[in-house]
Amino acid sequence: MFRLVVTLYAICYACYIFYTREPDYFDGETTIASISISSNKKAIASYKVDSKIYSIDADYVFRSLHQGEETTVIYNPAHPEKAAVYSIWGYWFTWGELLLSSVLLFLLFQLSVGIIKNPTEELSENDADDETYRQKKYV
């Protein structure tokens, strides 16, 4: 049962991430950005769209970018200032979503196990009275 739950979780999460990324994966365009480290140790990605230079915050938990490094940025063509560093960690998978969905998965799994292992008294009495309940389907 646990394999089934984890498989369903992975499928649902994959469907969720494709349609909730901002800027949108399907409508967004990518370009190369250069990383610069500011005086307060924040990584800033600078990229050029239609001869105008834009900058975004490129810092994210567990992501390390270095001065002068080039990275890919995905942006909204209608609003090029709305962009994100195009990477697995930070664009596709975010810390908050993984944590929240994992907690929900665990809680819902525990709830389902609790319901299955502890049926109500009414249900137990009905099952004991029903003789056809325990018979094999095909004899």
C-alpha atoms as a PDB file:
ATOM      1  CA  MET A   1       0.000   0.000   0.000  1.00  0.00           C
ATOM      2  CA  PHE A   2       2.881   2.344   0.774  1.00  0.00           C
ATOM      3  CA  ARG A   3       4.287   1.921  -2.755  1.00  0.00           C
ATOM      4  CA  LEU A   4       0.922   2.852  -4.222  1.00  0.00           C
ATOM      5  CA  VAL A   5       0.688   5.961  -2.067  1.00  0.00           C
ATOM      6  CA  VAL A   6       4.220   7.083  -2.950  1.00  0.00           C
ATOM      7  CA  THR A   7       3.575   6.460  -6.657  1.00  0.00           C
ATOM      8  CA  LEU A   8       0.371   8.504  -6.556  1.00  0.00           C
ATOM      9  CA  TYR A   9       2.206  11.231  -4.645  1.00  0.00           C
ATOM     10  CA  ALA A  10       4.956  11.393  -7.284  1.00  0.00           C
ATOM     11  CA  ILE A  11       2.438  11.559 -10.149  1.00  0.00           C
ATOM     12  CA  CYS A  12       0.368  14.270  -8.463  1.00  0.00           C
ATOM     13  CA  TYR A  13       3.459  16.294  -7.539  1.00  0.00           C
ATOM     14  CA  ALA A  14       4.805  16.049 -11.100  1.00  0.00           C
ATOM     15  CA  CYS A  15       1.497  17.298 -12.509  1.00  0.00           C
ATOM     16  CA  TYR A  16       1.443  20.075  -9.925  1.00  0.00           C
ATOM     17  CA  ILE A  17       4.914  21.451 -10.636  1.00  0.00           C
ATOM     18  CA  PHE A  18       4.471  21.661 -14.411  1.00  0.00           C
ATOM     19  CA  TYR A  19       1.559  24.070 -14.127  1.00  0.00           C
ATOM     20  CA  THR A  20       2.488  26.187 -11.118  1.00  0.00           C
ATOM     21  CA  ARG A  21       5.957  27.503 -11.934  1.00  0.00           C
ATOM     22  CA  GLU A  22       6.382  31.273 -12.221  1.00  0.00           C
ATOM     23  CA  PRO A  23       7.481  32.317 -14.799  1.00  0.00           C
ATOM     24  CA  ASP A  24       5.570  29.701 -16.706  1.00  0.00           C
ATOM     25  CA  TYR A  25       7.617  26.846 -18.137  1.00  0.00           C
ATOM     26  CA  PHE A  26       5.507  26.570 -21.291  1.00  0.00           C
ATOM     27  CA  ASP A  27       5.351  30.298 -22.133  1.00  0.00           C
ATOM     28  CA  GLY A  28       8.675  31.408 -20.680  1.00  0.00           C
ATOM     29  CA  GLU A  29      11.899  31.940 -22.570  1.00  0.00           C
ATOM     30  CA  THR A  30      15.413  31.228 -21.379  1.00  0.00           C
ATOM     31  CA  THR A  31      18.607  33.233 -21.603  1.00  0.00           C
ATOM     32  CA  ILE A  32      22.075  33.197 -20.090  1.00  0.00           C
ATOM     33  CA  ALA A  33      22.731  35.263 -16.964  1.00  0.00           C
ATOM     34  CA  SER A  34      25.938  36.228 -15.247  1.00  0.00           C
ATOM     35  CA  ILE A  35      26.212  35.894 -11.473  1.00  0.00           C
ATOM     36  CA  SER A  36      27.641  38.655  -9.336  1.00  0.00           C
ATOM     37  CA  ILE A  37      28.005  38.566  -5.575  1.00  0.00           C
ATOM     38  CA  SER A  38      26.905  41.748  -3.797  1.00  0.00           C
ATOM     39  CA  SER A  39      28.586  43.252  -0.739  1.00  0.00           C
ATOM     40  CA  ASN A  40      26.114  41.481   1.589  1.00  0.00           C
ATOM     41  CA  LYS A  41      27.004  38.084   0.019  1.00  0.00           C
ATOM     42  CA  LYS A  42      23.809  37.776  -2.051  1.00  0.00           C
ATOM     43  CA  ALA A  43      24.009  36.245  -5.520  1.00  0.00           C
ATOM     44  CA  ILE A  44      22.478  38.440  -8.223  1.00  0.00           C
ATOM     45  CA  ALA A  45      21.828  37.186 -11.751  1.00  0.00           C
ATOM     46  CA  SER A  46      22.042  39.819 -14.496  1.00  0.00           C
ATOM     47  CA  TYR A  47      20.629  39.049 -17.934  1.00  0.00           C
ATOM     48  CA  LYS A  48      19.901  40.976 -21.113  1.00  0.00           C
ATOM     49  CA  VAL A  49      16.585  41.007 -22.994  1.00  0.00           C
ATOM     50  CA  ASP A  50      16.072  43.316 -25.998  1.00  0.00           C
ATOM     51  CA  SER A  51      19.167  45.397 -25.169  1.00  0.00           C
ATOM     52  CA  LYS A  52      17.940  46.059 -21.612  1.00  0.00           C
ATOM     53  CA  ILE A  53      19.685  44.571 -18.593  1.00  0.00           C
ATOM     54  CA  TYR A  54      17.639  43.043 -15.773  1.00  0.00           C
ATOM     55  CA  SER A  55      18.753  41.698 -12.410  1.00  0.00           C
ATOM     56  CA  ILE A  56      17.140  39.164 -10.076  1.00  0.00           C
ATOM     57  CA  ASP A  57      18.015  37.649  -6.726  1.00  0.00           C
ATOM     58  CA  ALA A  58      19.581  34.249  -7.413  1.00  0.00           C
ATOM     59  CA  ASP A  59      20.054  33.096  -3.816  1.00  0.00           C
ATOM     60  CA  TYR A  60      18.200  30.023  -2.682  1.00  0.00           C
ATOM     61  CA  VAL A  61      18.599  27.493   0.117  1.00  0.00           C
ATOM     62  CA  PHE A  62      21.266  24.843  -0.665  1.00  0.00           C
ATOM     63  CA  ARG A  63      22.191  26.514  -3.978  1.00  0.00           C
ATOM     64  CA  SER A  64      25.713  27.850  -4.303  1.00  0.00           C
ATOM     65  CA  LEU A  65      26.563  30.244  -7.099  1.00  0.00           C
ATOM     66  CA  HIS A  66      29.956  31.883  -7.563  1.00  0.00           C
ATOM     67  CA  GLN A  67      31.141  35.238  -8.885  1.00  0.00           C
ATOM     68  CA  GLY A  68      31.248  35.303 -12.702  1.00  0.00           C
ATOM     69  CA  GLU A  69      29.428  31.988 -13.090  1.00  0.00           C
ATOM     70  CA  GLU A  70      26.959  31.767 -15.954  1.00  0.00           C
ATOM     71  CA  THR A  71      23.554  30.243 -15.402  1.00  0.00           C
ATOM     72  CA  THR A  72      20.286  29.916 -17.277  1.00  0.00           C
ATOM     73  CA  VAL A  73      17.394  32.206 -16.409  1.00  0.00           C
ATOM     74  CA  ILE A  74      13.774  31.689 -17.433  1.00  0.00           C
ATOM     75  CA  TYR A  75      11.652  34.815 -17.827  1.00  0.00           C
ATOM     76  CA  ASN A  76       8.193  35.917 -18.897  1.00  0.00           C
ATOM     77  CA  PRO A  77       8.471  37.507 -22.392  1.00  0.00           C
ATOM     78  CA  ALA A  78       5.675  39.996 -21.609  1.00  0.00           C
ATOM     79  CA  HIS A  79       7.386  41.046 -18.357  1.00  0.00           C
ATOM     80  CA  PRO A  80      11.133  40.279 -18.612  1.00  0.00           C
ATOM     81  CA  GLU A  81      11.721  41.559 -15.076  1.00  0.00           C
ATOM     82  CA  LYS A  82       9.790  38.528 -13.764  1.00  0.00           C
ATOM     83  CA  ALA A  83      12.400  35.803 -13.937  1.00  0.00           C
ATOM     84  CA  ALA A  84      13.912  32.911 -12.010  1.00  0.00           C
ATOM     85  CA  VAL A  85      17.116  30.914 -12.145  1.00  0.00           C
ATOM     86  CA  TYR A  86      16.237  27.869 -14.240  1.00  0.00           C
ATOM     87  CA  SER A  87      17.488  24.966 -12.138  1.00  0.00           C
ATOM     88  CA  ILE A  88      16.168  21.782 -10.617  1.00  0.00           C
ATOM     89  CA  TRP A  89      16.514  23.116  -7.055  1.00  0.00           C
ATOM     90  CA  GLY A  90      14.747  26.429  -6.688  1.00  0.00           C
ATOM     91  CA  TYR A  91      12.640  26.447  -9.849  1.00  0.00           C
ATOM     92  CA  TRP A  92      11.238  22.937 -10.193  1.00  0.00           C
ATOM     93  CA  PHE A  93      11.591  21.804  -6.587  1.00  0.00           C
ATOM     94  CA  THR A  94      11.236  24.279  -3.762  1.00  0.00           C
ATOM     95  CA  TRP A  95      11.941  23.760  -0.103  1.00  0.00           C
ATOM     96  CA  GLY A  96       8.492  24.802   1.124  1.00  0.00           C
ATOM     97  CA  GLU A  97       6.518  22.714  -1.365  1.00  0.00           C
ATOM     98  CA  LEU A  98       8.534  19.568  -0.687  1.00  0.00           C
ATOM     99  CA  LEU A  99       8.262  19.977   3.068  1.00  0.00           C
ATOM    100  CA  LEU A 100       4.535  20.745   3.072  1.00  0.00           C
ATOM    101  CA  SER A 101       3.629  17.985   0.614  1.00  0.00           C
ATOM    102  CA  SER A 102       5.733  15.431   2.514  1.00  0.00           C
ATOM    103  CA  VAL A 103       4.032  16.329   5.800  1.00  0.00           C
ATOM    104  CA  LEU A 104       0.605  16.082   4.134  1.00  0.00           C
ATOM    105  CA  LEU A 105       1.557  12.732   2.580  1.00  0.00           C
ATOM    106  CA  PHE A 106       2.630  11.381   5.972  1.00  0.00           C
ATOM    107  CA  LEU A 107      -0.482  12.660   7.771  1.00  0.00           C
ATOM    108  CA  LEU A 108      -2.902  11.358   5.142  1.00  0.00           C
ATOM    109  CA  PHE A 109      -1.141   7.993   5.078  1.00  0.00           C
ATOM    110  CA  GLN A 110      -1.402   7.729   8.874  1.00  0.00           C
ATOM    111  CA  LEU A 111      -5.076   8.708   8.695  1.00  0.00           C
ATOM    112  CA  SER A 112      -5.811   6.040   6.080  1.00  0.00           C
ATOM    113  CA  VAL A 113      -3.960   3.357   8.050  1.00  0.00           C
ATOM    114  CA  GLY A 114      -5.840   4.378  11.191  1.00  0.00           C
ATOM    115  CA  ILE A 115      -9.199   4.161   9.441  1.00  0.00           C
ATOM    116  CA  ILE A 116      -8.475   0.754   7.909  1.00  0.00           C
ATOM    117  CA  LYS A 117      -7.106  -0.821  11.112  1.00  0.00           C
ATOM    118  CA  ASN A 118      -9.824   0.532  13.424  1.00  0.00           C
ATOM    119  CA  PRO A 119     -13.223   0.111  11.764  1.00  0.00           C
ATOM    120  CA  THR A 120     -16.308   1.300  13.598  1.00  0.00           C
ATOM    121  CA  GLU A 121     -18.254  -1.142  15.789  1.00  0.00           C
ATOM    122  CA  GLU A 122     -21.269  -0.922  13.496  1.00  0.00           C
ATOM    123  CA  LEU A 123     -19.220  -2.027  10.523  1.00  0.00           C
ATOM    124  CA  SER A 124     -17.649  -4.922  12.457  1.00  0.00           C
ATOM    125  CA  GLU A 125     -21.060  -6.184  13.599  1.00  0.00           C
ATOM    126  CA  ASN A 126     -22.485  -5.982  10.067  1.00  0.00           C
ATOM    127  CA  ASP A 127     -19.535  -7.912   8.663  1.00  0.00           C
ATOM    128  CA  ALA A 128     -19.925 -10.677  11.261  1.00  0.00           C
ATOM    129  CA  ASP A 129     -23.637 -11.056  10.436  1.00  0.00           C
ATOM    130  CA  ASP A 130     -23.137 -11.167   6.690  1.00  0.00           C
ATOM    131  CA  GLU A 131     -22.322 -14.785   5.749  1.00  0.00           C
ATOM    132  CA  THR A 132     -21.747 -14.000   2.073  1.00  0.00           C
ATOM    133  CA  TYR A 133     -19.074 -11.464   2.950  1.00  0.00           C
ATOM    134  CA  ARG A 134     -16.409 -14.097   3.601  1.00  0.00           C
ATOM    135  CA  GLN A 135     -17.286 -16.421   0.730  1.00  0.00           C
ATOM    136  CA  LYS A 136     -15.000 -16.635  -2.274  1.00  0.00           C
ATOM    137  CA  LYS A 137     -16.137 -14.760  -5.325  1.00  0.00           C
ATOM    138  CA  TYR A 138     -15.464 -17.608  -7.782  1.00  0.00           C
ATOM    139  CA  VAL A 139     -15.932 -21.139  -6.527  1.00  0.00           C
END
